[in-house]
N, C-alpha and C. Protein backbone atom coordinates (compact mmCIF):
# COMPACT_ATOMS: atom_id res chain seq x y z
N MET A 1 104.88 94.27 86.36
CA MET A 1 103.76 94.33 85.81
C MET A 1 102.89 93.08 86.49
N LEU A 2 101.63 93.24 86.75
CA LEU A 2 100.75 92.48 87.56
C LEU A 2 100.13 91.80 86.43
N SER A 3 99.64 90.42 86.00
CA SER A 3 98.86 89.57 84.76
C SER A 3 98.27 88.55 85.75
N ILE A 4 97.42 87.82 85.16
CA ILE A 4 96.83 86.58 85.51
C ILE A 4 96.94 85.50 84.41
N VAL A 5 97.10 84.43 84.41
CA VAL A 5 97.32 83.59 83.44
C VAL A 5 96.98 82.19 83.86
N SER A 6 96.71 81.85 82.98
CA SER A 6 96.17 80.30 82.71
C SER A 6 97.31 79.57 83.32
N ALA A 7 96.23 78.61 84.38
CA ALA A 7 97.43 77.51 85.08
C ALA A 7 96.67 76.24 84.76
N ARG A 8 98.13 75.35 84.31
CA ARG A 8 97.93 73.80 83.69
C ARG A 8 97.94 72.75 84.82
N PRO A 9 97.53 71.12 84.36
CA PRO A 9 97.91 70.83 85.17
C PRO A 9 99.32 70.56 86.07
N HIS A 10 100.69 70.81 85.38
CA HIS A 10 101.97 70.87 85.66
C HIS A 10 102.25 71.86 86.96
N ASP A 11 101.49 72.99 87.06
CA ASP A 11 101.08 74.32 87.85
C ASP A 11 100.40 73.29 89.40
N ALA A 12 99.93 72.53 89.02
CA ALA A 12 98.93 71.85 90.51
C ALA A 12 99.81 71.79 91.71
N GLU A 13 101.43 71.86 91.72
CA GLU A 13 101.89 71.60 93.39
C GLU A 13 102.27 72.80 93.59
N ASP A 14 102.78 73.74 92.75
CA ASP A 14 103.24 75.22 92.81
C ASP A 14 101.67 76.05 94.07
N ILE A 15 100.56 75.53 93.21
CA ILE A 15 99.47 76.28 93.91
C ILE A 15 99.46 75.44 95.00
N ALA A 16 99.03 73.96 95.38
CA ALA A 16 98.87 73.44 96.41
C ALA A 16 100.16 73.65 97.54
N ASN A 17 101.16 74.24 97.27
CA ASN A 17 102.16 74.74 98.15
C ASN A 17 101.75 76.08 98.20
N MET A 18 101.49 76.77 98.13
CA MET A 18 101.09 78.30 98.02
C MET A 18 99.70 78.19 98.50
N ALA A 19 98.66 77.70 98.17
CA ALA A 19 98.00 77.49 98.94
C ALA A 19 98.14 77.27 100.83
N LEU A 20 98.72 76.14 101.14
CA LEU A 20 99.06 75.67 102.59
C LEU A 20 99.62 76.78 103.41
N ASP A 21 100.81 77.24 102.43
CA ASP A 21 101.50 78.75 102.99
C ASP A 21 100.63 79.94 103.44
N ILE A 22 99.55 80.07 102.50
CA ILE A 22 98.99 81.45 102.27
C ILE A 22 97.85 80.61 103.76
N TRP A 23 97.58 79.40 103.67
CA TRP A 23 96.37 79.27 105.00
C TRP A 23 97.43 79.21 106.12
N ARG A 24 98.49 78.73 106.36
CA ARG A 24 98.89 79.10 107.48
C ARG A 24 99.48 80.32 108.10
N ARG A 25 99.54 81.44 106.81
CA ARG A 25 100.12 82.71 107.70
C ARG A 25 99.06 83.58 107.63
N HIS A 26 97.62 83.03 106.88
CA HIS A 26 96.86 84.34 107.35
C HIS A 26 95.36 83.34 108.35
N TYR A 27 95.47 82.15 107.83
CA TYR A 27 94.46 81.79 108.63
C TYR A 27 94.89 80.99 110.17
N PHE A 28 95.81 81.27 110.68
CA PHE A 28 96.23 80.53 111.79
C PHE A 28 96.85 81.65 112.75
N PRO A 29 96.14 81.96 114.17
CA PRO A 29 95.24 80.80 114.96
C PRO A 29 93.89 81.49 114.73
N ASP A 30 93.33 82.84 113.96
CA ASP A 30 92.46 83.18 114.07
C ASP A 30 91.08 83.08 113.66
N VAL A 31 91.35 82.11 111.87
CA VAL A 31 90.12 81.62 111.17
C VAL A 31 90.35 79.80 111.14
N LEU A 32 91.29 79.51 111.65
CA LEU A 32 91.46 77.98 112.06
C LEU A 32 92.99 77.28 112.68
N ASN A 33 92.42 76.39 113.10
CA ASN A 33 93.92 76.03 114.22
C ASN A 33 94.68 75.11 112.96
N GLU A 34 95.52 74.29 113.30
CA GLU A 34 96.82 74.14 112.40
C GLU A 34 96.08 72.03 112.01
N ASP A 35 95.24 71.72 112.86
CA ASP A 35 94.65 70.45 112.70
C ASP A 35 93.66 70.48 111.58
N ALA A 36 93.02 71.88 111.54
CA ALA A 36 91.47 71.98 110.79
C ALA A 36 92.21 72.68 109.03
N ILE A 37 93.86 73.14 109.30
CA ILE A 37 94.09 74.08 108.09
C ILE A 37 94.69 72.54 107.51
N ALA A 38 95.23 71.51 108.20
CA ALA A 38 95.73 70.26 107.28
C ALA A 38 94.77 69.39 106.96
N TYR A 39 93.93 69.54 107.57
CA TYR A 39 92.68 68.57 107.29
C TYR A 39 91.77 69.33 105.93
N PHE A 40 92.01 70.42 105.84
CA PHE A 40 90.57 70.95 104.60
C PHE A 40 91.76 71.41 103.53
N TRP A 41 93.13 71.31 103.85
CA TRP A 41 93.87 71.53 102.69
C TRP A 41 94.23 70.22 102.09
N ASN A 42 93.80 69.61 103.24
CA ASN A 42 94.32 67.95 102.47
C ASN A 42 92.69 67.71 101.43
N ARG A 43 91.64 67.93 101.97
CA ARG A 43 90.82 67.78 101.07
C ARG A 43 90.84 68.68 99.34
N MET A 44 91.31 69.53 99.52
CA MET A 44 90.77 70.86 99.07
C MET A 44 92.14 70.88 98.05
N TYR A 45 93.06 70.69 98.43
CA TYR A 45 94.19 71.56 97.58
C TYR A 45 95.74 70.49 97.63
N ARG A 46 95.19 69.22 97.88
CA ARG A 46 96.51 68.38 97.55
C ARG A 46 96.64 68.72 95.91
N PRO A 47 98.21 68.53 95.16
CA PRO A 47 97.89 68.49 93.68
C PRO A 47 97.03 67.46 93.23
N ASP A 48 96.73 66.46 93.33
CA ASP A 48 95.70 65.75 92.91
C ASP A 48 94.66 66.08 92.85
N VAL A 49 93.91 66.70 93.62
CA VAL A 49 92.68 67.10 94.16
C VAL A 49 92.59 68.54 92.94
N ILE A 50 93.77 69.82 92.37
CA ILE A 50 93.43 70.65 91.92
C ILE A 50 93.36 70.04 90.67
N ARG A 51 94.41 69.10 89.97
CA ARG A 51 94.51 68.59 88.70
C ARG A 51 92.74 67.78 88.88
N SER A 52 92.80 66.92 89.29
CA SER A 52 91.21 66.18 89.01
C SER A 52 89.90 67.71 88.56
N GLU A 53 90.39 68.68 89.43
CA GLU A 53 88.95 70.00 89.12
C GLU A 53 89.40 70.57 88.14
N MET A 54 90.46 70.94 87.44
CA MET A 54 90.85 71.40 86.22
C MET A 54 90.11 70.17 85.28
N GLU A 55 90.63 69.10 85.34
CA GLU A 55 89.93 67.86 84.02
C GLU A 55 88.01 67.71 84.45
N ARG A 56 87.24 68.29 85.70
CA ARG A 56 86.43 68.53 85.46
C ARG A 56 85.56 70.10 85.04
N GLY A 57 86.64 70.82 84.75
CA GLY A 57 86.18 72.07 84.20
C GLY A 57 86.27 73.37 85.13
N ILE A 58 86.89 73.59 86.16
CA ILE A 58 87.39 74.29 86.99
C ILE A 58 88.48 74.91 86.94
N VAL A 59 88.04 76.20 86.53
CA VAL A 59 89.61 77.01 85.85
C VAL A 59 90.43 77.28 86.65
N TYR A 60 91.38 77.37 87.01
CA TYR A 60 92.48 77.84 87.40
C TYR A 60 93.47 79.01 86.81
N GLU A 61 93.75 80.13 87.57
CA GLU A 61 94.58 81.12 86.68
C GLU A 61 95.65 80.97 88.22
N ARG A 62 96.91 81.90 87.66
CA ARG A 62 98.05 82.44 88.94
C ARG A 62 97.76 84.00 88.60
N ILE A 63 97.46 84.48 89.81
CA ILE A 63 98.25 85.82 89.50
C ILE A 63 99.75 86.09 89.67
N MET A 64 100.26 86.71 88.82
CA MET A 64 101.56 87.03 88.46
C MET A 64 102.17 88.17 88.52
N LEU A 65 103.35 88.73 89.24
CA LEU A 65 103.85 90.07 89.45
C LEU A 65 104.90 90.03 88.87
N ASN A 66 105.18 90.44 88.24
CA ASN A 66 106.75 90.52 87.45
C ASN A 66 107.40 88.88 87.43
N GLY A 67 106.33 88.26 87.06
CA GLY A 67 106.87 86.93 86.20
C GLY A 67 106.80 85.72 88.10
N LYS A 68 106.46 86.61 88.78
CA LYS A 68 106.25 85.67 90.21
C LYS A 68 104.81 85.67 90.58
N MET A 69 104.67 84.18 90.88
CA MET A 69 103.15 83.87 91.27
C MET A 69 102.89 84.52 92.43
N ILE A 70 102.38 85.36 92.80
CA ILE A 70 101.56 85.72 94.08
C ILE A 70 100.51 85.24 94.58
N GLY A 71 100.00 84.51 93.84
CA GLY A 71 98.72 83.82 94.28
C GLY A 71 97.54 83.08 93.23
N PHE A 72 96.70 83.12 93.21
CA PHE A 72 95.72 82.63 92.24
C PHE A 72 94.77 82.64 92.24
N LEU A 73 93.45 82.41 91.07
CA LEU A 73 92.46 82.11 92.00
C LEU A 73 91.70 80.61 91.07
N ALA A 74 90.66 80.72 91.15
CA ALA A 74 89.90 79.47 90.45
C ALA A 74 88.31 79.60 90.67
N TYR A 75 87.75 79.09 89.52
CA TYR A 75 85.95 79.34 88.89
C TYR A 75 85.37 78.68 87.78
N HIS A 76 84.45 78.60 88.12
CA HIS A 76 83.87 77.65 87.09
C HIS A 76 82.21 78.42 86.76
N HIS A 77 81.87 77.85 85.51
CA HIS A 77 80.92 78.48 85.14
C HIS A 77 79.87 77.31 85.66
N GLN A 78 78.85 78.25 85.75
CA GLN A 78 77.23 77.54 85.70
C GLN A 78 76.27 77.49 84.87
N PRO A 79 76.66 76.92 83.55
CA PRO A 79 75.62 78.09 82.76
C PRO A 79 74.27 77.82 82.42
N GLU A 80 74.02 76.50 83.41
CA GLU A 80 72.17 75.73 83.10
C GLU A 80 71.76 77.11 84.27
N GLN A 81 72.52 77.90 85.25
CA GLN A 81 72.14 78.99 86.04
C GLN A 81 72.43 80.28 85.73
N ALA A 82 73.16 80.36 84.52
CA ALA A 82 73.87 81.88 84.42
C ALA A 82 74.61 82.16 85.87
N ARG A 83 75.48 81.50 86.32
CA ARG A 83 75.88 82.01 87.52
C ARG A 83 77.73 81.49 87.01
N MET A 84 78.37 81.75 87.92
CA MET A 84 79.61 81.56 87.96
C MET A 84 80.25 81.43 89.44
N ARG A 85 80.67 80.45 89.83
CA ARG A 85 81.29 80.18 91.52
C ARG A 85 82.91 80.68 91.17
N LEU A 86 83.00 81.36 92.27
CA LEU A 86 84.45 81.91 92.24
C LEU A 86 84.76 81.04 93.92
N ASN A 87 85.73 79.61 93.41
CA ASN A 87 85.54 78.80 93.70
C ASN A 87 87.13 79.15 95.23
N LYS A 88 87.99 80.30 94.44
CA LYS A 88 89.40 80.42 95.30
C LYS A 88 89.63 81.38 94.88
N LEU A 89 90.24 82.62 95.93
CA LEU A 89 90.87 83.41 95.58
C LEU A 89 91.92 83.97 96.72
N TYR A 90 93.14 83.68 96.33
CA TYR A 90 94.11 83.67 97.47
C TYR A 90 95.31 84.51 96.97
N LEU A 91 95.95 85.87 97.80
CA LEU A 91 96.97 86.10 97.65
C LEU A 91 98.05 85.62 98.57
N LEU A 92 99.52 86.03 98.32
CA LEU A 92 100.27 85.49 99.57
C LEU A 92 100.04 86.83 100.30
N PRO A 93 100.50 86.67 101.67
CA PRO A 93 99.81 88.12 102.68
C PRO A 93 100.16 89.18 102.75
N GLU A 94 101.87 89.35 102.06
CA GLU A 94 102.36 90.45 101.75
C GLU A 94 102.05 91.54 100.92
N TYR A 95 101.13 90.87 100.05
CA TYR A 95 100.78 91.15 99.08
C TYR A 95 99.55 91.97 98.92
N HIS A 96 98.61 91.55 100.32
CA HIS A 96 97.48 92.06 100.63
C HIS A 96 97.22 93.93 100.58
N GLY A 97 96.42 94.28 100.37
CA GLY A 97 96.57 95.56 100.56
C GLY A 97 96.69 96.79 99.55
N ARG A 98 96.87 96.44 98.13
CA ARG A 98 97.68 96.52 97.22
C ARG A 98 96.95 96.75 96.20
N GLY A 99 95.58 96.30 96.23
CA GLY A 99 94.72 96.56 94.91
C GLY A 99 94.98 95.62 94.30
N TYR A 100 95.66 94.36 94.62
CA TYR A 100 96.06 93.15 93.49
C TYR A 100 94.80 92.06 93.78
N GLY A 101 94.25 92.13 94.47
CA GLY A 101 92.57 91.32 94.72
C GLY A 101 91.80 91.85 94.22
N ALA A 102 91.73 93.63 94.04
CA ALA A 102 90.38 94.21 93.48
C ALA A 102 90.51 93.56 91.81
N PHE A 103 91.82 94.04 91.20
CA PHE A 103 92.38 93.64 90.22
C PHE A 103 91.70 91.97 89.98
N ALA A 104 91.96 91.10 90.56
CA ALA A 104 91.50 89.54 90.34
C ALA A 104 90.35 89.62 90.33
N LEU A 105 89.38 90.40 91.46
CA LEU A 105 87.91 90.70 90.74
C LEU A 105 87.72 91.08 90.16
N ALA A 106 88.33 91.96 89.64
CA ALA A 106 87.37 92.67 88.09
C ALA A 106 87.82 91.72 86.81
N HIS A 107 89.18 91.11 86.98
CA HIS A 107 89.20 90.05 86.28
C HIS A 107 88.03 88.98 85.99
N ALA A 108 87.66 88.43 87.72
CA ALA A 108 86.89 87.36 87.55
C ALA A 108 85.58 88.30 87.02
N LYS A 109 85.18 89.30 87.49
CA LYS A 109 83.72 90.01 86.98
C LYS A 109 84.13 90.21 85.32
N ALA A 110 85.07 90.32 84.32
CA ALA A 110 85.27 90.61 83.10
C ALA A 110 84.95 89.40 82.69
N ILE A 111 85.42 88.02 83.15
CA ILE A 111 85.01 86.42 82.80
C ILE A 111 83.79 86.52 83.30
N ALA A 112 83.04 86.50 83.87
CA ALA A 112 81.93 86.68 83.93
C ALA A 112 80.81 87.18 82.89
N GLU A 113 81.60 88.54 82.34
CA GLU A 113 80.62 89.46 81.60
C GLU A 113 80.31 88.26 80.36
N ARG A 114 82.24 87.93 80.21
CA ARG A 114 82.11 87.59 78.65
C ARG A 114 81.29 86.19 78.77
N LEU A 115 81.38 85.20 79.88
CA LEU A 115 80.30 84.37 79.71
C LEU A 115 78.35 84.34 79.35
N CYS A 116 78.65 86.04 79.70
CA CYS A 116 76.66 85.96 80.14
C CYS A 116 76.23 85.46 81.46
N VAL A 117 77.12 85.60 82.18
CA VAL A 117 76.10 85.01 83.35
C VAL A 117 75.45 86.21 84.57
N LYS A 118 74.69 85.65 84.65
CA LYS A 118 73.87 87.08 85.92
C LYS A 118 74.45 87.02 87.28
N GLU A 119 75.23 86.23 87.99
CA GLU A 119 75.73 86.40 89.16
C GLU A 119 76.88 85.64 88.91
N ILE A 120 77.84 85.93 90.05
CA ILE A 120 79.11 85.27 90.55
C ILE A 120 78.35 85.65 91.93
N TYR A 121 79.10 83.68 92.47
CA TYR A 121 79.03 83.61 93.96
C TYR A 121 80.16 83.22 94.63
N LEU A 122 80.40 83.04 95.45
CA LEU A 122 81.36 82.64 96.60
C LEU A 122 80.90 82.12 97.77
N TYR A 123 82.13 81.07 98.85
CA TYR A 123 82.08 81.02 99.64
C TYR A 123 82.91 81.62 100.34
N VAL A 124 83.17 81.94 101.70
CA VAL A 124 84.22 82.75 102.71
C VAL A 124 84.06 82.64 103.59
N PHE A 125 85.26 81.73 104.39
CA PHE A 125 85.03 81.47 106.05
C PHE A 125 84.30 82.44 106.29
N ARG A 126 83.64 82.39 107.68
CA ARG A 126 83.07 83.87 108.17
C ARG A 126 84.10 84.42 108.94
N LYS A 127 84.80 84.17 109.42
CA LYS A 127 85.84 84.43 110.50
C LYS A 127 86.70 85.28 109.63
N ASN A 128 87.11 84.66 108.47
CA ASN A 128 87.90 85.61 107.51
C ASN A 128 87.63 87.10 107.50
N GLU A 129 87.29 87.79 108.12
CA GLU A 129 87.01 89.26 108.26
C GLU A 129 87.83 89.88 107.29
N LYS A 130 88.69 89.78 106.71
CA LYS A 130 89.68 90.66 105.84
C LYS A 130 89.07 90.29 104.23
N ALA A 131 88.90 89.09 103.97
CA ALA A 131 88.30 88.70 103.17
C ALA A 131 87.12 89.20 102.66
N VAL A 132 86.14 89.10 103.55
CA VAL A 132 84.70 89.60 103.78
C VAL A 132 85.02 91.02 103.41
N ARG A 133 85.38 91.79 104.18
CA ARG A 133 85.31 93.15 103.73
C ARG A 133 85.69 93.43 102.29
N ALA A 134 86.90 92.73 101.67
CA ALA A 134 87.18 93.00 100.61
C ALA A 134 86.29 92.56 98.88
N TYR A 135 85.44 91.58 99.43
CA TYR A 135 84.20 91.25 98.58
C TYR A 135 83.09 92.20 98.88
N ARG A 136 82.67 92.90 100.18
CA ARG A 136 81.71 93.63 100.13
C ARG A 136 82.44 94.94 99.72
N ARG A 137 83.41 95.44 99.48
CA ARG A 137 84.48 96.83 99.08
C ARG A 137 84.31 96.36 97.30
N ALA A 138 84.42 95.20 96.70
CA ALA A 138 84.01 94.60 95.34
C ALA A 138 82.61 94.57 94.79
N GLY A 139 81.38 95.28 95.93
CA GLY A 139 80.18 95.00 95.34
C GLY A 139 79.36 93.72 95.88
N PHE A 140 79.90 92.40 96.60
CA PHE A 140 79.61 91.72 96.87
C PHE A 140 78.68 91.67 98.16
N VAL A 141 77.81 90.67 98.22
CA VAL A 141 76.77 91.08 99.39
C VAL A 141 76.29 89.65 100.03
N VAL A 142 76.14 89.62 101.05
CA VAL A 142 76.56 88.10 101.92
C VAL A 142 74.51 87.78 101.63
N VAL A 143 74.71 86.67 100.93
CA VAL A 143 73.44 86.25 101.01
C VAL A 143 72.69 85.26 101.78
N ARG A 144 73.60 84.51 102.76
CA ARG A 144 73.36 84.15 103.91
C ARG A 144 74.51 83.28 104.79
N ALA A 145 74.68 83.04 105.98
CA ALA A 145 75.30 82.39 106.53
C ALA A 145 74.96 80.58 106.35
N GLU A 146 76.43 79.73 106.25
CA GLU A 146 76.14 78.81 105.89
C GLU A 146 76.99 77.72 106.58
N VAL A 147 76.47 76.50 107.78
CA VAL A 147 77.56 75.66 108.00
C VAL A 147 76.94 74.57 107.42
N THR A 148 78.25 74.08 106.90
CA THR A 148 78.48 72.77 106.50
C THR A 148 79.42 71.61 106.75
N GLU A 149 78.79 70.46 106.80
CA GLU A 149 79.28 69.37 107.65
C GLU A 149 80.84 69.06 106.66
N ALA A 150 82.11 68.90 106.65
CA ALA A 150 83.01 68.53 105.94
C ALA A 150 83.56 67.14 106.20
N GLY A 151 83.31 66.62 107.50
CA GLY A 151 83.72 65.30 107.75
C GLY A 151 84.45 65.33 108.81
N ASP A 152 84.90 64.05 109.57
CA ASP A 152 85.64 64.01 110.92
C ASP A 152 85.69 64.95 111.88
N GLY A 153 84.62 65.46 111.65
CA GLY A 153 84.30 66.82 113.18
C GLY A 153 84.51 67.91 112.69
N TYR A 154 84.82 68.13 111.25
CA TYR A 154 85.07 69.60 110.78
C TYR A 154 84.05 69.86 110.07
N TYR A 155 83.78 71.52 110.36
CA TYR A 155 82.68 71.76 109.47
C TYR A 155 83.27 73.65 109.12
N TYR A 156 82.40 73.53 107.67
CA TYR A 156 82.65 74.86 106.98
C TYR A 156 81.57 75.77 107.31
N ASP A 157 82.25 76.94 107.75
CA ASP A 157 81.22 77.89 108.49
C ASP A 157 81.92 79.11 107.58
N ASP A 158 80.50 78.86 106.59
CA ASP A 158 80.83 80.29 105.52
C ASP A 158 79.95 81.12 105.44
N TYR A 159 80.27 82.39 104.58
CA TYR A 159 79.15 83.69 104.22
C TYR A 159 79.23 83.51 103.07
N VAL A 160 77.50 82.64 102.42
CA VAL A 160 77.54 83.03 100.87
C VAL A 160 77.23 84.41 100.65
N MET A 161 78.29 84.83 99.59
CA MET A 161 78.31 86.13 99.23
C MET A 161 77.82 85.92 97.24
N SER A 162 77.46 87.14 97.38
CA SER A 162 76.50 87.23 95.61
C SER A 162 76.97 88.45 94.97
N TYR A 163 77.54 88.31 93.56
CA TYR A 163 77.71 90.10 93.11
C TYR A 163 77.07 89.41 91.63
N THR A 164 75.88 90.40 91.60
CA THR A 164 74.54 90.31 90.25
C THR A 164 75.36 91.61 89.38
N LEU A 165 75.30 90.71 88.36
CA LEU A 165 75.64 91.49 87.02
C LEU A 165 75.07 92.37 86.51
N ASP A 166 75.32 93.58 86.26
CA ASP A 166 74.56 94.54 85.25
C ASP A 166 73.79 93.72 83.64
N ARG A 167 73.01 93.75 83.35
CA ARG A 167 72.70 92.48 82.30
C ARG A 167 71.55 93.50 81.51
N SER A 168 71.52 94.66 82.31
CA SER A 168 69.80 95.19 81.34
C SER A 168 70.81 96.13 80.02
N GLY A 169 71.98 96.01 79.85
CA GLY A 169 72.03 96.54 78.81
C GLY A 169 72.86 96.33 77.64
């Protein structure tokens, strides 16, 4: 059975380890090289970073299949802008193409509906063509390309993508 369950601070290490595994298997070598993977993981996915984000209100959830974590997502409600940022959505590569990512996106859209936001937005590596296609299938559109300095000579080279919720009725 597929489900999405809340993550707690004690889950941060499992999430961090899964993130590194996914990045190494999915991003290398087409999206990022090993040095870039290590750099970005250290900035964004160390267990202490994940716990700090949870403390700041970023919600982490685990994607579970028959009691086993196969992925995770994170999002942050921005009520002052009537927006929700989908910070993270990752699945182990062996679970790609089975509808589990679409399930997680439908879950995120349902959360956004409950929060009465007008827009969900996200950043995705431009070279991550598989993810870009999946987000487009789910109704997201590219708003802009954005290159942002990450430090130490590294850059985020992203698309900003957006999904507008129907608030008409």
